[in-house]
Amino acid sequence: MEGEEKQDFITNYFLQLFTSNVNGDAQQLLCVVQTRVMLEMNEHLMADFTEEEIKGALDSIGDLKAPGPDGMVHVFYKRFWDIVVRKITAEVIQFLNGGEMPQH
């Protein structure tokens, strides 16, 4: 077997392995699955992120854990939260709600 034939063989194997063979309407299958996320839970999950959640996530990280891309350890942001809160929160919320990751 040549290299290209091997590659095709392997690709086809995994395509068949991970391709569903179910025929029919997926809605038929889903209608028998019991609901686990209730309306109130879904509303909470779909809500926008908040400053409190961001601060809680920051507080849960160890002070001297590996620094971020900016080279700063987490204790810096905790110590000076009152100064950086607006900028950090705005960028994090924008990203988490579907925006792009800031380059800086």
PDB file of N, CA and C in Angstrom:
ATOM      1  N   MET A   1       0.844  -1.180   0.000  1.00  0.00           N
ATOM      2  CA  MET A   1       0.000   0.000   0.000  1.00  0.00           C
ATOM      3  C   MET A   1       0.889   1.243   0.000  1.00  0.00           C
ATOM      4  N   GLU A   2       0.594   2.165  -0.886  1.00  0.00           N
ATOM      5  CA  GLU A   2       1.341   3.417  -0.965  1.00  0.00           C
ATOM      6  C   GLU A   2       0.848   4.381   0.119  1.00  0.00           C
ATOM      7  N   GLY A   3       1.611   5.451   0.324  1.00  0.00           N
ATOM      8  CA  GLY A   3       1.279   6.427   1.369  1.00  0.00           C
ATOM      9  C   GLY A   3      -0.098   7.031   1.217  1.00  0.00           C
ATOM     10  N   GLU A   4      -0.467   7.395   0.009  1.00  0.00           N
ATOM     11  CA  GLU A   4      -1.769   8.019  -0.225  1.00  0.00           C
ATOM     12  C   GLU A   4      -2.894   7.015   0.011  1.00  0.00           C
ATOM     13  N   GLU A   5      -2.688   5.763  -0.382  1.00  0.00           N
ATOM     14  CA  GLU A   5      -3.688   4.719  -0.160  1.00  0.00           C
ATOM     15  C   GLU A   5      -3.876   4.473   1.341  1.00  0.00           C
ATOM     16  N   LYS A   6      -2.770   4.469   2.085  1.00  0.00           N
ATOM     17  CA  LYS A   6      -2.843   4.286   3.538  1.00  0.00           C
ATOM     18  C   LYS A   6      -3.627   5.432   4.179  1.00  0.00           C
ATOM     19  N   GLN A   7      -3.328   6.637   3.717  1.00  0.00           N
ATOM     20  CA  GLN A   7      -4.019   7.805   4.257  1.00  0.00           C
ATOM     21  C   GLN A   7      -5.517   7.710   3.975  1.00  0.00           C
ATOM     22  N   ASP A   8      -5.897   7.330   2.748  1.00  0.00           N
ATOM     23  CA  ASP A   8      -7.312   7.178   2.406  1.00  0.00           C
ATOM     24  C   ASP A   8      -7.966   6.084   3.243  1.00  0.00           C
ATOM     25  N   PHE A   9      -7.252   4.967   3.437  1.00  0.00           N
ATOM     26  CA  PHE A   9      -7.776   3.856   4.223  1.00  0.00           C
ATOM     27  C   PHE A   9      -8.061   4.293   5.662  1.00  0.00           C
ATOM     28  N   ILE A  10      -7.096   4.973   6.259  1.00  0.00           N
ATOM     29  CA  ILE A  10      -7.246   5.433   7.645  1.00  0.00           C
ATOM     30  C   ILE A  10      -8.357   6.463   7.751  1.00  0.00           C
ATOM     31  N   THR A  11      -8.396   7.396   6.805  1.00  0.00           N
ATOM     32  CA  THR A  11      -9.445   8.425   6.809  1.00  0.00           C
ATOM     33  C   THR A  11     -10.818   7.789   6.706  1.00  0.00           C
ATOM     34  N   ASN A  12     -10.981   6.852   5.786  1.00  0.00           N
ATOM     35  CA  ASN A  12     -12.278   6.192   5.616  1.00  0.00           C
ATOM     36  C   ASN A  12     -12.671   5.383   6.844  1.00  0.00           C
ATOM     37  N   TYR A  13     -11.687   4.743   7.479  1.00  0.00           N
ATOM     38  CA  TYR A  13     -11.970   3.981   8.689  1.00  0.00           C
ATOM     39  C   TYR A  13     -12.590   4.875   9.760  1.00  0.00           C
ATOM     40  N   PHE A  14     -11.955   6.025  10.011  1.00  0.00           N
ATOM     41  CA  PHE A  14     -12.457   6.904  11.063  1.00  0.00           C
ATOM     42  C   PHE A  14     -13.737   7.623  10.647  1.00  0.00           C
ATOM     43  N   LEU A  15     -13.909   7.890   9.378  1.00  0.00           N
ATOM     44  CA  LEU A  15     -15.184   8.467   8.921  1.00  0.00           C
ATOM     45  C   LEU A  15     -16.327   7.497   9.202  1.00  0.00           C
ATOM     46  N   GLN A  16     -16.121   6.221   8.904  1.00  0.00           N
ATOM     47  CA  GLN A  16     -17.155   5.222   9.163  1.00  0.00           C
ATOM     48  C   GLN A  16     -17.372   5.031  10.663  1.00  0.00           C
ATOM     49  N   LEU A  17     -16.303   5.081  11.411  1.00  0.00           N
ATOM     50  CA  LEU A  17     -16.384   4.885  12.857  1.00  0.00           C
ATOM     51  C   LEU A  17     -17.196   5.982  13.533  1.00  0.00           C
ATOM     52  N   PHE A  18     -17.012   7.220  13.087  1.00  0.00           N
ATOM     53  CA  PHE A  18     -17.649   8.357  13.748  1.00  0.00           C
ATOM     54  C   PHE A  18     -18.831   8.932  12.969  1.00  0.00           C
ATOM     55  N   THR A  19     -19.358   8.195  11.998  1.00  0.00           N
ATOM     56  CA  THR A  19     -20.529   8.629  11.250  1.00  0.00           C
ATOM     57  C   THR A  19     -21.730   7.841  11.738  1.00  0.00           C
ATOM     58  N   SER A  20     -22.807   8.535  12.006  1.00  0.00           N
ATOM     59  CA  SER A  20     -24.013   7.883  12.500  1.00  0.00           C
ATOM     60  C   SER A  20     -24.675   7.088  11.386  1.00  0.00           C
ATOM     61  N   ASN A  21     -25.198   5.942  11.745  1.00  0.00           N
ATOM     62  CA  ASN A  21     -25.936   5.109  10.806  1.00  0.00           C
ATOM     63  C   ASN A  21     -27.431   5.170  11.071  1.00  0.00           C
ATOM     64  N   VAL A  22     -27.858   6.094  11.910  1.00  0.00           N
ATOM     65  CA  VAL A  22     -29.260   6.207  12.277  1.00  0.00           C
ATOM     66  C   VAL A  22     -30.019   6.850  11.131  1.00  0.00           C
ATOM     67  N   ASN A  23     -31.055   6.166  10.709  1.00  0.00           N
ATOM     68  CA  ASN A  23     -31.942   6.727   9.695  1.00  0.00           C
ATOM     69  C   ASN A  23     -33.190   7.214  10.391  1.00  0.00           C
ATOM     70  N   GLY A  24     -33.718   8.319   9.948  1.00  0.00           N
ATOM     71  CA  GLY A  24     -34.949   8.810  10.534  1.00  0.00           C
ATOM     72  C   GLY A  24     -34.801  10.220  11.063  1.00  0.00           C
ATOM     73  N   ASP A  25     -35.848  10.648  11.692  1.00  0.00           N
ATOM     74  CA  ASP A  25     -35.949  12.016  12.186  1.00  0.00           C
ATOM     75  C   ASP A  25     -35.364  12.116  13.589  1.00  0.00           C
ATOM     76  N   ALA A  26     -34.401  13.009  13.767  1.00  0.00           N
ATOM     77  CA  ALA A  26     -33.782  13.203  15.081  1.00  0.00           C
ATOM     78  C   ALA A  26     -34.803  13.703  16.100  1.00  0.00           C
ATOM     79  N   GLN A  27     -35.810  14.441  15.650  1.00  0.00           N
ATOM     80  CA  GLN A  27     -36.826  14.958  16.567  1.00  0.00           C
ATOM     81  C   GLN A  27     -37.604  13.818  17.218  1.00  0.00           C
ATOM     82  N   GLN A  28     -37.809  12.729  16.487  1.00  0.00           N
ATOM     83  CA  GLN A  28     -38.485  11.561  17.051  1.00  0.00           C
ATOM     84  C   GLN A  28     -37.693  11.011  18.228  1.00  0.00           C
ATOM     85  N   LEU A  29     -36.403  10.975  18.076  1.00  0.00           N
ATOM     86  CA  LEU A  29     -35.539  10.477  19.137  1.00  0.00           C
ATOM     87  C   LEU A  29     -35.527  11.444  20.318  1.00  0.00           C
ATOM     88  N   LEU A  30     -35.432  12.745  20.026  1.00  0.00           N
ATOM     89  CA  LEU A  30     -35.340  13.741  21.090  1.00  0.00           C
ATOM     90  C   LEU A  30     -36.620  13.857  21.915  1.00  0.00           C
ATOM     91  N   CYS A  31     -37.750  13.546  21.325  1.00  0.00           N
ATOM     92  CA  CYS A  31     -39.009  13.703  22.073  1.00  0.00           C
ATOM     93  C   CYS A  31     -39.126  12.700  23.221  1.00  0.00           C
ATOM     94  N   VAL A  32     -38.336  11.632  23.206  1.00  0.00           N
ATOM     95  CA  VAL A  32     -38.401  10.658  24.299  1.00  0.00           C
ATOM     96  C   VAL A  32     -37.317  10.883  25.349  1.00  0.00           C
ATOM     97  N   VAL A  33     -36.447  11.868  25.117  1.00  0.00           N
ATOM     98  CA  VAL A  33     -35.400  12.182  26.082  1.00  0.00           C
ATOM     99  C   VAL A  33     -35.979  13.121  27.132  1.00  0.00           C
ATOM    100  N   GLN A  34     -35.835  12.742  28.382  1.00  0.00           N
ATOM    101  CA  GLN A  34     -36.390  13.534  29.478  1.00  0.00           C
ATOM    102  C   GLN A  34     -35.633  14.855  29.626  1.00  0.00           C
ATOM    103  N   THR A  35     -36.360  15.926  29.838  1.00  0.00           N
ATOM    104  CA  THR A  35     -35.771  17.249  30.017  1.00  0.00           C
ATOM    105  C   THR A  35     -34.986  17.296  31.320  1.00  0.00           C
ATOM    106  N   ARG A  36     -33.759  17.785  31.247  1.00  0.00           N
ATOM    107  CA  ARG A  36     -32.921  17.911  32.435  1.00  0.00           C
ATOM    108  C   ARG A  36     -32.695  19.364  32.815  1.00  0.00           C
ATOM    109  N   VAL A  37     -32.681  20.246  31.835  1.00  0.00           N
ATOM    110  CA  VAL A  37     -32.477  21.671  32.098  1.00  0.00           C
ATOM    111  C   VAL A  37     -33.841  22.344  32.045  1.00  0.00           C
ATOM    112  N   MET A  38     -34.304  22.758  33.199  1.00  0.00           N
ATOM    113  CA  MET A  38     -35.607  23.409  33.293  1.00  0.00           C
ATOM    114  C   MET A  38     -35.486  24.865  32.849  1.00  0.00           C
ATOM    115  N   LEU A  39     -36.621  25.505  32.631  1.00  0.00           N
ATOM    116  CA  LEU A  39     -36.659  26.874  32.118  1.00  0.00           C
ATOM    117  C   LEU A  39     -35.821  27.828  32.967  1.00  0.00           C
ATOM    118  N   GLU A  40     -35.974  27.764  34.281  1.00  0.00           N
ATOM    119  CA  GLU A  40     -35.227  28.652  35.177  1.00  0.00           C
ATOM    120  C   GLU A  40     -33.722  28.414  35.065  1.00  0.00           C
ATOM    121  N   MET A  41     -33.327  27.134  34.978  1.00  0.00           N
ATOM    122  CA  MET A  41     -31.918  26.803  34.822  1.00  0.00           C
ATOM    123  C   MET A  41     -31.391  27.352  33.495  1.00  0.00           C
ATOM    124  N   ASN A  42     -32.168  27.196  32.436  1.00  0.00           N
ATOM    125  CA  ASN A  42     -31.753  27.658  31.113  1.00  0.00           C
ATOM    126  C   ASN A  42     -31.601  29.173  31.087  1.00  0.00           C
ATOM    127  N   GLU A  43     -32.514  29.884  31.734  1.00  0.00           N
ATOM    128  CA  GLU A  43     -32.413  31.342  31.786  1.00  0.00           C
ATOM    129  C   GLU A  43     -31.126  31.755  32.486  1.00  0.00           C
ATOM    130  N   HIS A  44     -30.774  31.066  33.547  1.00  0.00           N
ATOM    131  CA  HIS A  44     -29.529  31.349  34.266  1.00  0.00           C
ATOM    132  C   HIS A  44     -28.315  31.060  33.381  1.00  0.00           C
ATOM    133  N   LEU A  45     -28.350  29.935  32.678  1.00  0.00           N
ATOM    134  CA  LEU A  45     -27.237  29.559  31.797  1.00  0.00           C
ATOM    135  C   LEU A  45     -27.081  30.517  30.618  1.00  0.00           C
ATOM    136  N   MET A  46     -28.181  31.092  30.155  1.00  0.00           N
ATOM    137  CA  MET A  46     -28.154  31.967  28.985  1.00  0.00           C
ATOM    138  C   MET A  46     -27.921  33.436  29.343  1.00  0.00           C
ATOM    139  N   ALA A  47     -27.916  33.752  30.631  1.00  0.00           N
ATOM    140  CA  ALA A  47     -27.738  35.141  31.062  1.00  0.00           C
ATOM    141  C   ALA A  47     -26.327  35.625  30.732  1.00  0.00           C
ATOM    142  N   ASP A  48     -26.203  36.932  30.550  1.00  0.00           N
ATOM    143  CA  ASP A  48     -24.897  37.522  30.307  1.00  0.00           C
ATOM    144  C   ASP A  48     -24.009  37.336  31.533  1.00  0.00           C
ATOM    145  N   PHE A  49     -22.720  37.279  31.291  1.00  0.00           N
ATOM    146  CA  PHE A  49     -21.763  37.182  32.386  1.00  0.00           C
ATOM    147  C   PHE A  49     -21.752  38.495  33.160  1.00  0.00           C
ATOM    148  N   THR A  50     -21.414  38.409  34.438  1.00  0.00           N
ATOM    149  CA  THR A  50     -21.434  39.591  35.297  1.00  0.00           C
ATOM    150  C   THR A  50     -20.048  39.871  35.875  1.00  0.00           C
ATOM    151  N   GLU A  51     -19.902  41.084  36.367  1.00  0.00           N
ATOM    152  CA  GLU A  51     -18.656  41.482  37.031  1.00  0.00           C
ATOM    153  C   GLU A  51     -18.390  40.587  38.248  1.00  0.00           C
ATOM    154  N   GLU A  52     -19.451  40.223  38.963  1.00  0.00           N
ATOM    155  CA  GLU A  52     -19.290  39.373  40.141  1.00  0.00           C
ATOM    156  C   GLU A  52     -18.729  37.998  39.766  1.00  0.00           C
ATOM    157  N   GLU A  53     -19.181  37.449  38.635  1.00  0.00           N
ATOM    158  CA  GLU A  53     -18.668  36.146  38.199  1.00  0.00           C
ATOM    159  C   GLU A  53     -17.193  36.241  37.807  1.00  0.00           C
ATOM    160  N   ILE A  54     -16.830  37.328  37.162  1.00  0.00           N
ATOM    161  CA  ILE A  54     -15.440  37.515  36.750  1.00  0.00           C
ATOM    162  C   ILE A  54     -14.548  37.656  37.978  1.00  0.00           C
ATOM    163  N   LYS A  55     -14.989  38.444  38.952  1.00  0.00           N
ATOM    164  CA  LYS A  55     -14.228  38.615  40.186  1.00  0.00           C
ATOM    165  C   LYS A  55     -14.129  37.290  40.934  1.00  0.00           C
ATOM    166  N   GLY A  56     -15.204  36.520  40.954  1.00  0.00           N
ATOM    167  CA  GLY A  56     -15.189  35.215  41.609  1.00  0.00           C
ATOM    168  C   GLY A  56     -14.199  34.266  40.945  1.00  0.00           C
ATOM    169  N   ALA A  57     -14.144  34.297  39.612  1.00  0.00           N
ATOM    170  CA  ALA A  57     -13.190  33.450  38.891  1.00  0.00           C
ATOM    171  C   ALA A  57     -11.761  33.874  39.211  1.00  0.00           C
ATOM    172  N   LEU A  58     -11.519  35.176  39.236  1.00  0.00           N
ATOM    173  CA  LEU A  58     -10.185  35.682  39.572  1.00  0.00           C
ATOM    174  C   LEU A  58      -9.789  35.274  40.984  1.00  0.00           C
ATOM    175  N   ASP A  59     -10.715  35.407  41.914  1.00  0.00           N
ATOM    176  CA  ASP A  59     -10.423  35.067  43.312  1.00  0.00           C
ATOM    177  C   ASP A  59     -10.147  33.578  43.502  1.00  0.00           C
ATOM    178  N   SER A  60     -10.658  32.754  42.597  1.00  0.00           N
ATOM    179  CA  SER A  60     -10.459  31.308  42.744  1.00  0.00           C
ATOM    180  C   SER A  60      -9.094  30.851  42.233  1.00  0.00           C
ATOM    181  N   ILE A  61      -8.352  31.739  41.583  1.00  0.00           N
ATOM    182  CA  ILE A  61      -7.031  31.392  41.057  1.00  0.00           C
ATOM    183  C   ILE A  61      -5.981  31.716  42.118  1.00  0.00           C
ATOM    184  N   GLY A  62      -5.032  30.838  42.302  1.00  0.00           N
ATOM    185  CA  GLY A  62      -3.953  31.070  43.263  1.00  0.00           C
ATOM    186  C   GLY A  62      -3.166  32.325  42.909  1.00  0.00           C
ATOM    187  N   ASP A  63      -2.748  33.054  43.924  1.00  0.00           N
ATOM    188  CA  ASP A  63      -2.074  34.341  43.725  1.00  0.00           C
ATOM    189  C   ASP A  63      -0.834  34.260  42.847  1.00  0.00           C
ATOM    190  N   LEU A  64      -0.048  33.235  43.011  1.00  0.00           N
ATOM    191  CA  LEU A  64       1.228  33.154  42.293  1.00  0.00           C
ATOM    192  C   LEU A  64       1.239  32.053  41.237  1.00  0.00           C
ATOM    193  N   LYS A  65       0.082  31.676  40.738  1.00  0.00           N
ATOM    194  CA  LYS A  65       0.025  30.690  39.666  1.00  0.00           C
ATOM    195  C   LYS A  65       0.678  31.274  38.424  1.00  0.00           C
ATOM    196  N   ALA A  66       0.852  30.450  37.418  1.00  0.00           N
ATOM    197  CA  ALA A  66       1.538  30.867  36.195  1.00  0.00           C
ATOM    198  C   ALA A  66       0.982  32.188  35.675  1.00  0.00           C
ATOM    199  N   PRO A  67       1.864  33.117  35.338  1.00  0.00           N
ATOM    200  CA  PRO A  67       1.409  34.413  34.836  1.00  0.00           C
ATOM    201  C   PRO A  67       0.712  34.270  33.494  1.00  0.00           C
ATOM    202  N   GLY A  68      -0.134  35.247  33.191  1.00  0.00           N
ATOM    203  CA  GLY A  68      -0.817  35.264  31.909  1.00  0.00           C
ATOM    204  C   GLY A  68       0.107  35.758  30.809  1.00  0.00           C
ATOM    205  N   PRO A  69      -0.429  35.917  29.596  1.00  0.00           N
ATOM    206  CA  PRO A  69       0.378  36.368  28.465  1.00  0.00           C
ATOM    207  C   PRO A  69       1.025  37.734  28.697  1.00  0.00           C
ATOM    208  N   ASP A  70       0.429  38.516  29.596  1.00  0.00           N
ATOM    209  CA  ASP A  70       0.987  39.841  29.885  1.00  0.00           C
ATOM    210  C   ASP A  70       2.126  39.777  30.903  1.00  0.00           C
ATOM    211  N   GLY A  71       2.409  38.584  31.444  1.00  0.00           N
ATOM    212  CA  GLY A  71       3.497  38.416  32.397  1.00  0.00           C
ATOM    213  C   GLY A  71       3.121  38.733  33.826  1.00  0.00           C
ATOM    214  N   MET A  72       1.880  39.134  34.047  1.00  0.00           N
ATOM    215  CA  MET A  72       1.452  39.506  35.395  1.00  0.00           C
ATOM    216  C   MET A  72       0.888  38.290  36.128  1.00  0.00           C
ATOM    217  N   VAL A  73       1.248  38.134  37.397  1.00  0.00           N
ATOM    218  CA  VAL A  73       0.655  37.083  38.210  1.00  0.00           C
ATOM    219  C   VAL A  73      -0.700  37.572  38.723  1.00  0.00           C
ATOM    220  N   HIS A  74      -1.536  36.638  39.125  1.00  0.00           N
ATOM    221  CA  HIS A  74      -2.914  36.974  39.471  1.00  0.00           C
ATOM    222  C   HIS A  74      -3.039  37.880  40.688  1.00  0.00           C
ATOM    223  N   VAL A  75      -2.064  37.833  41.588  1.00  0.00           N
ATOM    224  CA  VAL A  75      -2.137  38.670  42.777  1.00  0.00           C
ATOM    225  C   VAL A  75      -2.165  40.160  42.393  1.00  0.00           C
ATOM    226  N   PHE A  76      -1.537  40.514  41.272  1.00  0.00           N
ATOM    227  CA  PHE A  76      -1.567  41.910  40.810  1.00  0.00           C
ATOM    228  C   PHE A  76      -3.009  42.365  40.583  1.00  0.00           C
ATOM    229  N   TYR A  77      -3.753  41.541  39.839  1.00  0.00           N
ATOM    230  CA  TYR A  77      -5.137  41.920  39.523  1.00  0.00           C
ATOM    231  C   TYR A  77      -6.016  41.923  40.762  1.00  0.00           C
ATOM    232  N   LYS A  78      -5.743  41.021  41.695  1.00  0.00           N
ATOM    233  CA  LYS A  78      -6.507  41.001  42.937  1.00  0.00           C
ATOM    234  C   LYS A  78      -6.210  42.231  43.784  1.00  0.00           C
ATOM    235  N   ARG A  79      -4.950  42.578  43.868  1.00  0.00           N
ATOM    236  CA  ARG A  79      -4.525  43.706  44.703  1.00  0.00           C
ATOM    237  C   ARG A  79      -5.024  45.041  44.159  1.00  0.00           C
ATOM    238  N   PHE A  80      -5.012  45.172  42.829  1.00  0.00           N
ATOM    239  CA  PHE A  80      -5.388  46.445  42.209  1.00  0.00           C
ATOM    240  C   PHE A  80      -6.724  46.363  41.478  1.00  0.00           C
ATOM    241  N   TRP A  81      -7.591  45.458  41.937  1.00  0.00           N
ATOM    242  CA  TRP A  81      -8.885  45.262  41.294  1.00  0.00           C
ATOM    243  C   TRP A  81      -9.674  46.560  41.197  1.00  0.00           C
ATOM    244  N   ASP A  82      -9.650  47.368  42.235  1.00  0.00           N
ATOM    245  CA  ASP A  82     -10.427  48.619  42.212  1.00  0.00           C
ATOM    246  C   ASP A  82      -9.952  49.566  41.113  1.00  0.00           C
ATOM    247  N   ILE A  83      -8.726  49.420  40.653  1.00  0.00           N
ATOM    248  CA  ILE A  83      -8.188  50.279  39.582  1.00  0.00           C
ATOM    249  C   ILE A  83      -8.463  49.680  38.207  1.00  0.00           C
ATOM    250  N   VAL A  84      -8.323  48.347  38.067  1.00  0.00           N
ATOM    251  CA  VAL A  84      -8.429  47.711  36.750  1.00  0.00           C
ATOM    252  C   VAL A  84      -9.805  47.119  36.463  1.00  0.00           C
ATOM    253  N   VAL A  85     -10.715  47.182  37.415  1.00  0.00           N
ATOM    254  CA  VAL A  85     -11.998  46.491  37.301  1.00  0.00           C
ATOM    255  C   VAL A  85     -12.761  46.850  36.032  1.00  0.00           C
ATOM    256  N   ARG A  86     -12.877  48.135  35.707  1.00  0.00           N
ATOM    257  CA  ARG A  86     -13.683  48.538  34.550  1.00  0.00           C
ATOM    258  C   ARG A  86     -13.120  48.009  33.239  1.00  0.00           C
ATOM    259  N   LYS A  87     -11.821  48.153  33.057  1.00  0.00           N
ATOM    260  CA  LYS A  87     -11.177  47.728  31.812  1.00  0.00           C
ATOM    261  C   LYS A  87     -11.199  46.203  31.684  1.00  0.00           C
ATOM    262  N   ILE A  88     -10.805  45.509  32.729  1.00  0.00           N
ATOM    263  CA  ILE A  88     -10.770  44.044  32.698  1.00  0.00           C
ATOM    264  C   ILE A  88     -12.174  43.482  32.486  1.00  0.00           C
ATOM    265  N   THR A  89     -13.130  43.959  33.259  1.00  0.00           N
ATOM    266  CA  THR A  89     -14.495  43.457  33.166  1.00  0.00           C
ATOM    267  C   THR A  89     -15.071  43.691  31.773  1.00  0.00           C
ATOM    268  N   ALA A  90     -14.874  44.877  31.230  1.00  0.00           N
ATOM    269  CA  ALA A  90     -15.417  45.191  29.896  1.00  0.00           C
ATOM    270  C   ALA A  90     -14.842  44.240  28.848  1.00  0.00           C
ATOM    271  N   GLU A  91     -13.542  44.009  28.871  1.00  0.00           N
ATOM    272  CA  GLU A  91     -12.920  43.137  27.876  1.00  0.00           C
ATOM    273  C   GLU A  91     -13.327  41.685  28.062  1.00  0.00           C
ATOM    274  N   VAL A  92     -13.380  41.221  29.300  1.00  0.00           N
ATOM    275  CA  VAL A  92     -13.747  39.826  29.554  1.00  0.00           C
ATOM    276  C   VAL A  92     -15.205  39.587  29.165  1.00  0.00           C
ATOM    277  N   ILE A  93     -16.104  40.472  29.561  1.00  0.00           N
ATOM    278  CA  ILE A  93     -17.520  40.311  29.221  1.00  0.00           C
ATOM    279  C   ILE A  93     -17.715  40.360  27.712  1.00  0.00           C
ATOM    280  N   GLN A  94     -17.042  41.271  27.041  1.00  0.00           N
ATOM    281  CA  GLN A  94     -17.166  41.346  25.584  1.00  0.00           C
ATOM    282  C   GLN A  94     -16.737  40.020  24.946  1.00  0.00           C
ATOM    283  N   PHE A  95     -15.625  39.471  25.384  1.00  0.00           N
ATOM    284  CA  PHE A  95     -15.132  38.201  24.843  1.00  0.00           C
ATOM    285  C   PHE A  95     -16.090  37.060  25.165  1.00  0.00           C
ATOM    286  N   LEU A  96     -16.503  36.928  26.435  1.00  0.00           N
ATOM    287  CA  LEU A  96     -17.347  35.814  26.845  1.00  0.00           C
ATOM    288  C   LEU A  96     -18.725  35.852  26.197  1.00  0.00           C
ATOM    289  N   ASN A  97     -19.191  37.034  25.835  1.00  0.00           N
ATOM    290  CA  ASN A  97     -20.491  37.152  25.197  1.00  0.00           C
ATOM    291  C   ASN A  97     -20.397  37.118  23.667  1.00  0.00           C
ATOM    292  N   GLY A  98     -19.283  36.573  23.161  1.00  0.00           N
ATOM    293  CA  GLY A  98     -19.182  36.336  21.724  1.00  0.00           C
ATOM    294  C   GLY A  98     -18.224  37.226  20.971  1.00  0.00           C
ATOM    295  N   GLY A  99     -17.559  38.159  21.652  1.00  0.00           N
ATOM    296  CA  GLY A  99     -16.617  39.046  20.977  1.00  0.00           C
ATOM    297  C   GLY A  99     -15.279  38.364  20.756  1.00  0.00           C
ATOM    298  N   GLU A 100     -14.383  39.089  20.152  1.00  0.00           N
ATOM    299  CA  GLU A 100     -13.045  38.555  19.879  1.00  0.00           C
ATOM    300  C   GLU A 100     -12.120  38.818  21.063  1.00  0.00           C
ATOM    301  N   MET A 101     -11.121  37.961  21.210  1.00  0.00           N
ATOM    302  CA  MET A 101     -10.109  38.104  22.254  1.00  0.00           C
ATOM    303  C   MET A 101      -9.259  39.322  21.907  1.00  0.00           C
ATOM    304  N   PRO A 102      -9.117  40.268  22.825  1.00  0.00           N
ATOM    305  CA  PRO A 102      -8.279  41.440  22.552  1.00  0.00           C
ATOM    306  C   PRO A 102      -6.834  41.019  22.258  1.00  0.00           C
ATOM    307  N   GLN A 103      -6.208  41.659  21.304  1.00  0.00           N
ATOM    308  CA  GLN A 103      -4.834  41.326  20.925  1.00  0.00           C
ATOM    309  C   GLN A 103      -3.856  41.560  22.068  1.00  0.00           C
ATOM    310  N   HIS A 104      -4.076  42.603  22.851  1.00  0.00           N
ATOM    311  CA  HIS A 104      -3.139  42.959  23.925  1.00  0.00           C
ATOM    312  C   HIS A 104      -3.422  42.119  25.147  1.00  0.00           C
TER     313      HIS A 104
END
